Amino acid sequence: NVDFCPGGTWRKISYQELVRATDGFSENNLLGKGSYGSVYKGRLDEGM
């Protein structure tokens, strides 16, 4: 069920890794919110 954005990916990232990276999409990591989405700060498994 993963449909990566064509042409813009260099590695696959799972939903579980996104949850870990953003601490469950915590409000503490919220960078901003717009009409169509919210942006969270995250840290991937390799530290990026």
All heavy atoms as atom14 arrays in JSON, in Angstrom:
{
  "sequence": "NVDFCPGGTWRKISYQELVRATDGFSENNLLGKGSYGSVYKGRLDEGM",
  "atom14_mask": [
    [1, 1, 1, 1, 1, 1, 1, 1, 0, 0, 0, 0, 0, 0],
    [1, 1, 1, 1, 1, 1, 1, 0, 0, 0, 0, 0, 0, 0],
    [1, 1, 1, 1, 1, 1, 1, 1, 0, 0, 0, 0, 0, 0],
    [1, 1, 1, 1, 1, 1, 1, 1, 1, 1, 1, 0, 0, 0],
    [1, 1, 1, 1, 1, 1, 0, 0, 0, 0, 0, 0, 0, 0],
    [1, 1, 1, 1, 1, 1, 1, 0, 0, 0, 0, 0, 0, 0],
    [1, 1, 1, 1, 0, 0, 0, 0, 0, 0, 0, 0, 0, 0],
    [1, 1, 1, 1, 0, 0, 0, 0, 0, 0, 0, 0, 0, 0],
    [1, 1, 1, 1, 1, 1, 1, 0, 0, 0, 0, 0, 0, 0],
    [1, 1, 1, 1, 1, 1, 1, 1, 1, 1, 1, 1, 1, 1],
    [1, 1, 1, 1, 1, 1, 1, 1, 1, 1, 1, 0, 0, 0],
    [1, 1, 1, 1, 1, 1, 1, 1, 1, 0, 0, 0, 0, 0],
    [1, 1, 1, 1, 1, 1, 1, 1, 0, 0, 0, 0, 0, 0],
    [1, 1, 1, 1, 1, 1, 0, 0, 0, 0, 0, 0, 0, 0],
    [1, 1, 1, 1, 1, 1, 1, 1, 1, 1, 1, 1, 0, 0],
    [1, 1, 1, 1, 1, 1, 1, 1, 1, 0, 0, 0, 0, 0],
    [1, 1, 1, 1, 1, 1, 1, 1, 1, 0, 0, 0, 0, 0],
    [1, 1, 1, 1, 1, 1, 1, 1, 0, 0, 0, 0, 0, 0],
    [1, 1, 1, 1, 1, 1, 1, 0, 0, 0, 0, 0, 0, 0],
    [1, 1, 1, 1, 1, 1, 1, 1, 1, 1, 1, 0, 0, 0],
    [1, 1, 1, 1, 1, 0, 0, 0, 0, 0, 0, 0, 0, 0],
    [1, 1, 1, 1, 1, 1, 1, 0, 0, 0, 0, 0, 0, 0],
    [1, 1, 1, 1, 1, 1, 1, 1, 0, 0, 0, 0, 0, 0],
    [1, 1, 1, 1, 0, 0, 0, 0, 0, 0, 0, 0, 0, 0],
    [1, 1, 1, 1, 1, 1, 1, 1, 1, 1, 1, 0, 0, 0],
    [1, 1, 1, 1, 1, 1, 0, 0, 0, 0, 0, 0, 0, 0],
    [1, 1, 1, 1, 1, 1, 1, 1, 1, 0, 0, 0, 0, 0],
    [1, 1, 1, 1, 1, 1, 1, 1, 0, 0, 0, 0, 0, 0],
    [1, 1, 1, 1, 1, 1, 1, 1, 0, 0, 0, 0, 0, 0],
    [1, 1, 1, 1, 1, 1, 1, 1, 0, 0, 0, 0, 0, 0],
    [1, 1, 1, 1, 1, 1, 1, 1, 0, 0, 0, 0, 0, 0],
    [1, 1, 1, 1, 0, 0, 0, 0, 0, 0, 0, 0, 0, 0],
    [1, 1, 1, 1, 1, 1, 1, 1, 1, 0, 0, 0, 0, 0],
    [1, 1, 1, 1, 0, 0, 0, 0, 0, 0, 0, 0, 0, 0],
    [1, 1, 1, 1, 1, 1, 0, 0, 0, 0, 0, 0, 0, 0],
    [1, 1, 1, 1, 1, 1, 1, 1, 1, 1, 1, 1, 0, 0],
    [1, 1, 1, 1, 0, 0, 0, 0, 0, 0, 0, 0, 0, 0],
    [1, 1, 1, 1, 1, 1, 0, 0, 0, 0, 0, 0, 0, 0],
    [1, 1, 1, 1, 1, 1, 1, 0, 0, 0, 0, 0, 0, 0],
    [1, 1, 1, 1, 1, 1, 1, 1, 1, 1, 1, 1, 0, 0],
    [1, 1, 1, 1, 1, 1, 1, 1, 1, 0, 0, 0, 0, 0],
    [1, 1, 1, 1, 0, 0, 0, 0, 0, 0, 0, 0, 0, 0],
    [1, 1, 1, 1, 1, 1, 1, 1, 1, 1, 1, 0, 0, 0],
    [1, 1, 1, 1, 1, 1, 1, 1, 0, 0, 0, 0, 0, 0],
    [1, 1, 1, 1, 1, 1, 1, 1, 0, 0, 0, 0, 0, 0],
    [1, 1, 1, 1, 1, 1, 1, 1, 1, 0, 0, 0, 0, 0],
    [1, 1, 1, 1, 0, 0, 0, 0, 0, 0, 0, 0, 0, 0],
    [1, 1, 1, 1, 1, 1, 1, 1, 0, 0, 0, 0, 0, 0]
  ],
  "atom14_positions": [
    [[0.81, -1.2, 0.0], [0.0, 0.0, 0.0], [0.84, 1.26, 0.0], [0.33, 2.34, 0.17], [-0.92, 0.02, 1.22], [-0.13, -0.02, 2.52], [1.07, -0.22, 2.5], [-0.81, 0.17, 3.64], [0.0, 0.0, 0.0], [0.0, 0.0, 0.0], [0.0, 0.0, 0.0], [0.0, 0.0, 0.0], [0.0, 0.0, 0.0], [0.0, 0.0, 0.0]],
    [[2.15, 1.12, -0.17], [3.03, 2.28, -0.19], [3.2, 2.74, -1.63], [3.59, 1.99, -2.5], [4.41, 1.94, 0.42], [5.32, 3.15, 0.36], [4.24, 1.46, 1.84], [0.0, 0.0, 0.0], [0.0, 0.0, 0.0], [0.0, 0.0, 0.0], [0.0, 0.0, 0.0], [0.0, 0.0, 0.0], [0.0, 0.0, 0.0], [0.0, 0.0, 0.0]],
    [[2.89, 4.01, -1.86], [2.99, 4.58, -3.21], [3.88, 5.8, -3.14], [3.43, 6.89, -2.83], [1.59, 4.96, -3.71], [1.66, 5.56, -5.1], [2.65, 5.3, -5.81], [0.74, 6.29, -5.46], [0.0, 0.0, 0.0], [0.0, 0.0, 0.0], [0.0, 0.0, 0.0], [0.0, 0.0, 0.0], [0.0, 0.0, 0.0], [0.0, 0.0, 0.0]],
    [[5.15, 5.6, -3.4], [6.1, 6.69, -3.21], [5.94, 7.75, -4.28], [5.62, 7.47, -5.41], [7.54, 6.16, -3.22], [7.86, 5.37, -2.0], [7.72, 4.0, -1.99], [8.26, 6.01, -0.85], [8.0, 3.28, -0.86], [8.55, 5.29, 0.29], [8.41, 3.92, 0.29], [0.0, 0.0, 0.0], [0.0, 0.0, 0.0], [0.0, 0.0, 0.0]],
    [[6.21, 8.96, -3.85], [6.14, 10.1, -4.77], [7.17, 9.9, -5.87], [8.35, 9.81, -5.6], [6.45, 11.38, -4.01], [6.25, 12.88, -4.95], [0.0, 0.0, 0.0], [0.0, 0.0, 0.0], [0.0, 0.0, 0.0], [0.0, 0.0, 0.0], [0.0, 0.0, 0.0], [0.0, 0.0, 0.0], [0.0, 0.0, 0.0], [0.0, 0.0, 0.0]],
    [[6.79, 9.77, -7.14], [7.72, 9.39, -8.19], [8.83, 10.41, -8.37], [8.58, 11.61, -8.38], [6.83, 9.31, -9.44], [5.66, 10.17, -9.12], [5.46, 10.08, -7.64], [0.0, 0.0, 0.0], [0.0, 0.0, 0.0], [0.0, 0.0, 0.0], [0.0, 0.0, 0.0], [0.0, 0.0, 0.0], [0.0, 0.0, 0.0], [0.0, 0.0, 0.0]],
    [[10.04, 9.91, -8.53], [11.17, 10.76, -8.87], [11.78, 11.5, -7.7], [12.76, 12.2, -7.85], [0.0, 0.0, 0.0], [0.0, 0.0, 0.0], [0.0, 0.0, 0.0], [0.0, 0.0, 0.0], [0.0, 0.0, 0.0], [0.0, 0.0, 0.0], [0.0, 0.0, 0.0], [0.0, 0.0, 0.0], [0.0, 0.0, 0.0], [0.0, 0.0, 0.0]],
    [[11.21, 11.41, -6.49], [11.71, 12.21, -5.4], [12.22, 11.4, -4.23], [12.38, 11.94, -3.15], [0.0, 0.0, 0.0], [0.0, 0.0, 0.0], [0.0, 0.0, 0.0], [0.0, 0.0, 0.0], [0.0, 0.0, 0.0], [0.0, 0.0, 0.0], [0.0, 0.0, 0.0], [0.0, 0.0, 0.0], [0.0, 0.0, 0.0], [0.0, 0.0, 0.0]],
    [[12.39, 10.12, -4.37], [12.79, 9.3, -3.24], [14.19, 8.77, -3.41], [14.65, 8.52, -4.52], [11.83, 8.11, -3.08], [11.92, 7.28, -4.22], [10.4, 8.58, -2.92], [0.0, 0.0, 0.0], [0.0, 0.0, 0.0], [0.0, 0.0, 0.0], [0.0, 0.0, 0.0], [0.0, 0.0, 0.0], [0.0, 0.0, 0.0], [0.0, 0.0, 0.0]],
    [[14.88, 8.62, -2.27], [16.19, 7.97, -2.32], [16.24, 6.79, -1.37], [17.15, 6.02, -1.4], [17.29, 8.97, -1.99], [17.21, 9.56, -0.63], [16.56, 10.7, -0.28], [17.79, 9.07, 0.59], [16.68, 10.96, 1.05], [17.44, 9.97, 1.61], [18.57, 7.96, 0.9], [17.84, 9.79, 2.93], [18.96, 7.79, 2.21], [18.6, 8.7, 3.21]],
    [[15.23, 6.66, -0.5], [15.14, 5.49, 0.35], [13.7, 5.34, 0.83], [12.96, 6.3, 0.9], [16.08, 5.59, 1.53], [15.57, 6.44, 2.68], [16.64, 6.74, 3.67], [16.67, 6.2, 4.97], [15.71, 5.84, 5.77], [14.48, 5.83, 5.36], [15.94, 5.43, 6.99], [0.0, 0.0, 0.0], [0.0, 0.0, 0.0], [0.0, 0.0, 0.0]],
    [[13.32, 4.1, 1.13], [11.97, 3.84, 1.6], [11.89, 4.08, 3.1], [12.76, 3.67, 3.86], [11.57, 2.41, 1.27], [11.41, 2.15, -0.22], [10.9, 0.74, -0.48], [10.68, 0.51, -1.97], [10.16, -0.85, -2.24], [0.0, 0.0, 0.0], [0.0, 0.0, 0.0], [0.0, 0.0, 0.0], [0.0, 0.0, 0.0], [0.0, 0.0, 0.0]],
    [[10.82, 4.73, 3.52], [10.59, 5.01, 4.92], [9.21, 4.47, 5.28], [8.22, 4.8, 4.63], [10.68, 6.52, 5.21], [12.08, 7.03, 4.88], [10.33, 6.82, 6.66], [12.25, 8.52, 5.07], [0.0, 0.0, 0.0], [0.0, 0.0, 0.0], [0.0, 0.0, 0.0], [0.0, 0.0, 0.0], [0.0, 0.0, 0.0], [0.0, 0.0, 0.0]],
    [[9.15, 3.66, 6.32], [7.89, 3.05, 6.72], [7.09, 3.99, 7.61], [7.62, 4.96, 8.17], [8.16, 1.73, 7.46], [8.83, 1.97, 8.68], [0.0, 0.0, 0.0], [0.0, 0.0, 0.0], [0.0, 0.0, 0.0], [0.0, 0.0, 0.0], [0.0, 0.0, 0.0], [0.0, 0.0, 0.0], [0.0, 0.0, 0.0], [0.0, 0.0, 0.0]],
    [[5.81, 3.66, 7.77], [4.96, 4.46, 8.65], [5.44, 4.37, 10.09], [5.44, 5.36, 10.84], [3.51, 3.97, 8.54], [2.56, 4.68, 9.47], [2.09, 5.96, 9.17], [2.14, 4.08, 10.65], [1.23, 6.62, 10.02], [1.27, 4.73, 11.51], [0.81, 6.0, 11.19], [-0.04, 6.66, 12.03], [0.0, 0.0, 0.0], [0.0, 0.0, 0.0]],
    [[5.88, 3.18, 10.51], [6.37, 3.0, 11.87], [7.6, 3.88, 12.14], [7.76, 4.43, 13.23], [6.72, 1.53, 12.14], [5.53, 0.59, 12.22], [4.9, 0.32, 10.86], [5.53, 0.53, 9.83], [3.65, -0.16, 10.88], [0.0, 0.0, 0.0], [0.0, 0.0, 0.0], [0.0, 0.0, 0.0], [0.0, 0.0, 0.0], [0.0, 0.0, 0.0]],
    [[8.47, 4.02, 11.13], [9.64, 4.87, 11.31], [9.24, 6.34, 11.42], [9.84, 7.11, 12.18], [10.62, 4.68, 10.13], [11.93, 5.42, 10.32], [12.95, 5.12, 9.23], [12.65, 4.29, 8.35], [14.03, 5.72, 9.28], [0.0, 0.0, 0.0], [0.0, 0.0, 0.0], [0.0, 0.0, 0.0], [0.0, 0.0, 0.0], [0.0, 0.0, 0.0]],
    [[8.21, 6.76, 10.67], [7.72, 8.13, 10.79], [7.14, 8.39, 12.17], [7.32, 9.47, 12.74], [6.66, 8.39, 9.71], [7.15, 8.44, 8.26], [5.98, 8.71, 7.32], [8.22, 9.5, 8.08], [0.0, 0.0, 0.0], [0.0, 0.0, 0.0], [0.0, 0.0, 0.0], [0.0, 0.0, 0.0], [0.0, 0.0, 0.0], [0.0, 0.0, 0.0]],
    [[6.42, 7.4, 12.71], [5.86, 7.55, 14.06], [6.98, 7.69, 15.08], [6.93, 8.56, 15.97], [4.96, 6.35, 14.39], [4.51, 6.4, 15.85], [3.74, 6.31, 13.47], [0.0, 0.0, 0.0], [0.0, 0.0, 0.0], [0.0, 0.0, 0.0], [0.0, 0.0, 0.0], [0.0, 0.0, 0.0], [0.0, 0.0, 0.0], [0.0, 0.0, 0.0]],
    [[8.01, 6.86, 14.95], [9.15, 6.96, 15.88], [9.87, 8.29, 15.72], [10.28, 8.91, 16.71], [10.12, 5.8, 15.65], [9.59, 4.44, 16.05], [10.73, 3.42, 16.12], [11.43, 3.3, 14.85], [11.09, 2.44, 13.89], [10.04, 1.63, 14.07], [11.77, 2.36, 12.77], [0.0, 0.0, 0.0], [0.0, 0.0, 0.0], [0.0, 0.0, 0.0]],
    [[10.04, 8.72, 14.48], [10.81, 9.94, 14.21], [10.14, 11.17, 14.8], [10.83, 12.11, 15.26], [10.99, 10.11, 12.71], [0.0, 0.0, 0.0], [0.0, 0.0, 0.0], [0.0, 0.0, 0.0], [0.0, 0.0, 0.0], [0.0, 0.0, 0.0], [0.0, 0.0, 0.0], [0.0, 0.0, 0.0], [0.0, 0.0, 0.0], [0.0, 0.0, 0.0]],
    [[8.8, 11.21, 14.81], [8.07, 12.39, 15.28], [7.48, 12.2, 16.67], [6.66, 13.03, 17.1], [6.94, 12.71, 14.28], [6.07, 11.58, 14.19], [7.49, 13.04, 12.91], [0.0, 0.0, 0.0], [0.0, 0.0, 0.0], [0.0, 0.0, 0.0], [0.0, 0.0, 0.0], [0.0, 0.0, 0.0], [0.0, 0.0, 0.0], [0.0, 0.0, 0.0]],
    [[7.85, 11.11, 17.34], [7.31, 10.8, 18.67], [5.78, 10.73, 18.62], [5.07, 11.34, 19.42], [7.76, 11.85, 19.68], [7.52, 11.4, 21.12], [7.33, 10.19, 21.34], [7.5, 12.26, 22.02], [0.0, 0.0, 0.0], [0.0, 0.0, 0.0], [0.0, 0.0, 0.0], [0.0, 0.0, 0.0], [0.0, 0.0, 0.0], [0.0, 0.0, 0.0]],
    [[5.31, 9.96, 17.63], [3.86, 9.78, 17.48], [3.17, 11.04, 17.0], [2.02, 11.3, 17.38], [0.0, 0.0, 0.0], [0.0, 0.0, 0.0], [0.0, 0.0, 0.0], [0.0, 0.0, 0.0], [0.0, 0.0, 0.0], [0.0, 0.0, 0.0], [0.0, 0.0, 0.0], [0.0, 0.0, 0.0], [0.0, 0.0, 0.0], [0.0, 0.0, 0.0]],
    [[3.84, 11.83, 16.15], [3.31, 13.09, 15.63], [2.87, 13.99, 16.79], [1.76, 14.52, 16.84], [2.15, 12.85, 14.66], [2.51, 11.97, 13.51], [2.11, 10.64, 13.46], [3.3, 12.46, 12.47], [2.46, 9.82, 12.4], [3.65, 11.65, 11.41], [3.24, 10.33, 11.37], [0.0, 0.0, 0.0], [0.0, 0.0, 0.0], [0.0, 0.0, 0.0]],
    [[3.78, 14.14, 17.74], [3.53, 14.9, 18.96], [3.41, 16.39, 18.66], [4.07, 16.93, 17.76], [4.66, 14.65, 19.96], [4.57, 15.53, 21.05], [0.0, 0.0, 0.0], [0.0, 0.0, 0.0], [0.0, 0.0, 0.0], [0.0, 0.0, 0.0], [0.0, 0.0, 0.0], [0.0, 0.0, 0.0], [0.0, 0.0, 0.0], [0.0, 0.0, 0.0]],
    [[2.57, 17.07, 19.45], [2.43, 18.52, 19.32], [3.75, 19.23, 19.64], [3.98, 20.35, 19.17], [1.32, 19.01, 20.26], [-0.08, 18.58, 19.86], [-0.56, 19.28, 18.59], [-0.14, 20.44, 18.36], [-1.34, 18.67, 17.83], [0.0, 0.0, 0.0], [0.0, 0.0, 0.0], [0.0, 0.0, 0.0], [0.0, 0.0, 0.0], [0.0, 0.0, 0.0]],
    [[4.59, 18.61, 20.46], [5.88, 19.22, 20.78], [6.79, 19.32, 19.56], [7.71, 20.13, 19.55], [6.58, 18.42, 21.88], [5.81, 18.43, 23.18], [5.12, 19.4, 23.49], [5.91, 17.35, 23.96], [0.0, 0.0, 0.0], [0.0, 0.0, 0.0], [0.0, 0.0, 0.0], [0.0, 0.0, 0.0], [0.0, 0.0, 0.0], [0.0, 0.0, 0.0]],
    [[6.56, 18.47, 18.57], [7.37, 18.48, 17.35], [6.69, 19.2, 16.2], [7.18, 19.17, 15.07], [7.68, 17.05, 16.92], [8.62, 16.35, 17.87], [9.52, 16.98, 18.43], [8.43, 15.06, 18.08], [0.0, 0.0, 0.0], [0.0, 0.0, 0.0], [0.0, 0.0, 0.0], [0.0, 0.0, 0.0], [0.0, 0.0, 0.0], [0.0, 0.0, 0.0]],
    [[5.56, 19.84, 16.46], [4.82, 20.53, 15.4], [5.56, 21.79, 14.99], [5.82, 22.68, 15.8], [3.41, 20.87, 15.88], [2.48, 21.52, 14.85], [2.2, 20.56, 13.7], [1.18, 21.97, 15.51], [0.0, 0.0, 0.0], [0.0, 0.0, 0.0], [0.0, 0.0, 0.0], [0.0, 0.0, 0.0], [0.0, 0.0, 0.0], [0.0, 0.0, 0.0]],
    [[5.9, 21.89, 13.7], [6.59, 23.07, 13.17], [5.61, 24.08, 12.6], [5.89, 25.28, 12.6], [7.59, 22.65, 12.09], [8.74, 21.75, 12.52], [9.57, 21.33, 11.32], [9.62, 22.46, 13.54], [0.0, 0.0, 0.0], [0.0, 0.0, 0.0], [0.0, 0.0, 0.0], [0.0, 0.0, 0.0], [0.0, 0.0, 0.0], [0.0, 0.0, 0.0]],
    [[4.51, 23.62, 12.07], [3.54, 24.52, 11.47], [2.34, 23.76, 10.97], [2.36, 22.53, 10.83], [0.0, 0.0, 0.0], [0.0, 0.0, 0.0], [0.0, 0.0, 0.0], [0.0, 0.0, 0.0], [0.0, 0.0, 0.0], [0.0, 0.0, 0.0], [0.0, 0.0, 0.0], [0.0, 0.0, 0.0], [0.0, 0.0, 0.0], [0.0, 0.0, 0.0]],
    [[1.26, 24.51, 10.72], [0.02, 23.88, 10.26], [-0.59, 24.76, 9.2], [-0.65, 26.0, 9.33], [-0.94, 23.7, 11.44], [-2.23, 22.98, 11.08], [-3.11, 22.81, 12.31], [-2.48, 21.85, 13.3], [-3.41, 21.54, 14.44], [0.0, 0.0, 0.0], [0.0, 0.0, 0.0], [0.0, 0.0, 0.0], [0.0, 0.0, 0.0], [0.0, 0.0, 0.0]],
    [[-1.04, 24.11, 8.11], [-1.65, 24.83, 7.02], [-3.03, 24.31, 6.71], [-3.62, 23.54, 7.48], [0.0, 0.0, 0.0], [0.0, 0.0, 0.0], [0.0, 0.0, 0.0], [0.0, 0.0, 0.0], [0.0, 0.0, 0.0], [0.0, 0.0, 0.0], [0.0, 0.0, 0.0], [0.0, 0.0, 0.0], [0.0, 0.0, 0.0], [0.0, 0.0, 0.0]],
    [[-3.57, 24.74, 5.57], [-4.93, 24.35, 5.2], [-5.03, 22.86, 4.93], [-6.03, 22.23, 5.24], [-5.37, 25.13, 3.96], [-5.33, 26.52, 4.2], [0.0, 0.0, 0.0], [0.0, 0.0, 0.0], [0.0, 0.0, 0.0], [0.0, 0.0, 0.0], [0.0, 0.0, 0.0], [0.0, 0.0, 0.0], [0.0, 0.0, 0.0], [0.0, 0.0, 0.0]],
    [[-3.98, 22.3, 4.32], [-4.05, 20.91, 3.87], [-3.18, 19.95, 4.66], [-3.2, 18.75, 4.41], [-3.68, 20.82, 2.39], [-4.61, 21.6, 1.49], [-4.1, 22.46, 0.53], [-5.98, 21.47, 1.6], [-4.95, 23.17, -0.3], [-6.84, 22.17, 0.77], [-6.32, 23.03, -0.17], [-7.17, 23.73, -0.99], [0.0, 0.0, 0.0], [0.0, 0.0, 0.0]],
    [[-2.37, 20.46, 5.6], [-1.49, 19.55, 6.29], [-0.75, 20.19, 7.44], [-0.76, 21.41, 7.62], [0.0, 0.0, 0.0], [0.0, 0.0, 0.0], [0.0, 0.0, 0.0], [0.0, 0.0, 0.0], [0.0, 0.0, 0.0], [0.0, 0.0, 0.0], [0.0, 0.0, 0.0], [0.0, 0.0, 0.0], [0.0, 0.0, 0.0], [0.0, 0.0, 0.0]],
    [[-0.09, 19.34, 8.23], [0.74, 19.79, 9.35], [2.16, 19.28, 9.14], [2.37, 18.21, 8.57], [0.19, 19.24, 10.67], [-1.14, 19.68, 10.89], [0.0, 0.0, 0.0], [0.0, 0.0, 0.0], [0.0, 0.0, 0.0], [0.0, 0.0, 0.0], [0.0, 0.0, 0.0], [0.0, 0.0, 0.0], [0.0, 0.0, 0.0], [0.0, 0.0, 0.0]],
    [[3.12, 20.06, 9.62], [4.53, 19.72, 9.43], [5.14, 19.48, 10.8], [5.02, 20.3, 11.72], [5.28, 20.84, 8.69], [6.75, 20.43, 8.49], [4.63, 21.14, 7.35], [0.0, 0.0, 0.0], [0.0, 0.0, 0.0], [0.0, 0.0, 0.0], [0.0, 0.0, 0.0], [0.0, 0.0, 0.0], [0.0, 0.0, 0.0], [0.0, 0.0, 0.0]],
    [[5.81, 18.32, 10.95], [6.43, 17.93, 12.2], [7.94, 17.77, 12.01], [8.39, 17.32, 10.96], [5.86, 16.61, 12.71], [4.37, 16.63, 12.97], [3.46, 16.35, 11.96], [3.88, 16.9, 14.24], [2.09, 16.37, 12.2], [2.51, 16.92, 14.5], [1.62, 16.65, 13.47], [0.28, 16.67, 13.71], [0.0, 0.0, 0.0], [0.0, 0.0, 0.0]],
    [[8.67, 18.13, 13.05], [10.1, 17.85, 13.05], [10.31, 16.41, 13.47], [9.64, 15.91, 14.38], [10.83, 18.79, 14.01], [12.33, 18.55, 14.07], [12.99, 19.49, 15.06], [14.49, 19.22, 15.17], [15.17, 20.11, 16.14], [0.0, 0.0, 0.0], [0.0, 0.0, 0.0], [0.0, 0.0, 0.0], [0.0, 0.0, 0.0], [0.0, 0.0, 0.0]],
    [[11.23, 15.72, 12.79], [11.49, 14.33, 13.11], [12.96, 13.97, 12.97], [13.73, 14.7, 12.36], [0.0, 0.0, 0.0], [0.0, 0.0, 0.0], [0.0, 0.0, 0.0], [0.0, 0.0, 0.0], [0.0, 0.0, 0.0], [0.0, 0.0, 0.0], [0.0, 0.0, 0.0], [0.0, 0.0, 0.0], [0.0, 0.0, 0.0], [0.0, 0.0, 0.0]],
    [[13.32, 12.85, 13.56], [14.68, 12.35, 13.46], [14.59, 10.88, 13.06], [14.05, 10.05, 13.8], [15.44, 12.5, 14.78], [16.91, 12.1, 14.7], [17.57, 12.26, 16.05], [17.64, 13.63, 16.46], [18.62, 14.47, 16.11], [19.62, 14.04, 15.36], [18.61, 15.72, 16.53], [0.0, 0.0, 0.0], [0.0, 0.0, 0.0], [0.0, 0.0, 0.0]],
    [[15.13, 10.55, 11.86], [15.06, 9.2, 11.35], [15.97, 8.27, 12.14], [16.78, 8.71, 12.97], [15.44, 9.17, 9.88], [14.55, 10.0, 8.93], [15.04, 9.89, 7.5], [13.09, 9.57, 9.04], [0.0, 0.0, 0.0], [0.0, 0.0, 0.0], [0.0, 0.0, 0.0], [0.0, 0.0, 0.0], [0.0, 0.0, 0.0], [0.0, 0.0, 0.0]],
    [[15.85, 6.98, 11.86], [16.6, 5.98, 12.64], [18.1, 6.2, 12.55], [18.82, 5.91, 13.51], [16.24, 4.57, 12.14], [14.8, 4.21, 12.48], [14.21, 4.9, 13.33], [14.28, 3.24, 11.89], [0.0, 0.0, 0.0], [0.0, 0.0, 0.0], [0.0, 0.0, 0.0], [0.0, 0.0, 0.0], [0.0, 0.0, 0.0], [0.0, 0.0, 0.0]],
    [[18.59, 6.69, 11.4], [20.03, 6.9, 11.29], [20.48, 8.24, 11.85], [21.67, 8.6, 11.77], [20.47, 6.8, 9.83], [19.97, 7.91, 8.92], [18.65, 7.57, 8.27], [17.95, 6.67, 8.78], [18.31, 8.19, 7.25], [0.0, 0.0, 0.0], [0.0, 0.0, 0.0], [0.0, 0.0, 0.0], [0.0, 0.0, 0.0], [0.0, 0.0, 0.0]],
    [[19.54, 9.02, 12.44], [19.91, 10.27, 13.09], [19.68, 11.5, 12.26], [19.92, 12.62, 12.74], [0.0, 0.0, 0.0], [0.0, 0.0, 0.0], [0.0, 0.0, 0.0], [0.0, 0.0, 0.0], [0.0, 0.0, 0.0], [0.0, 0.0, 0.0], [0.0, 0.0, 0.0], [0.0, 0.0, 0.0], [0.0, 0.0, 0.0], [0.0, 0.0, 0.0]],
    [[19.22, 11.38, 11.05], [19.02, 12.53, 10.16], [17.75, 13.29, 10.56], [16.68, 12.72, 10.73], [18.9, 12.05, 8.71], [18.7, 13.16, 7.72], [18.54, 12.48, 6.03], [18.39, 13.99, 5.1], [0.0, 0.0, 0.0], [0.0, 0.0, 0.0], [0.0, 0.0, 0.0], [0.0, 0.0, 0.0], [0.0, 0.0, 0.0], [0.0, 0.0, 0.0]]
  ]
}
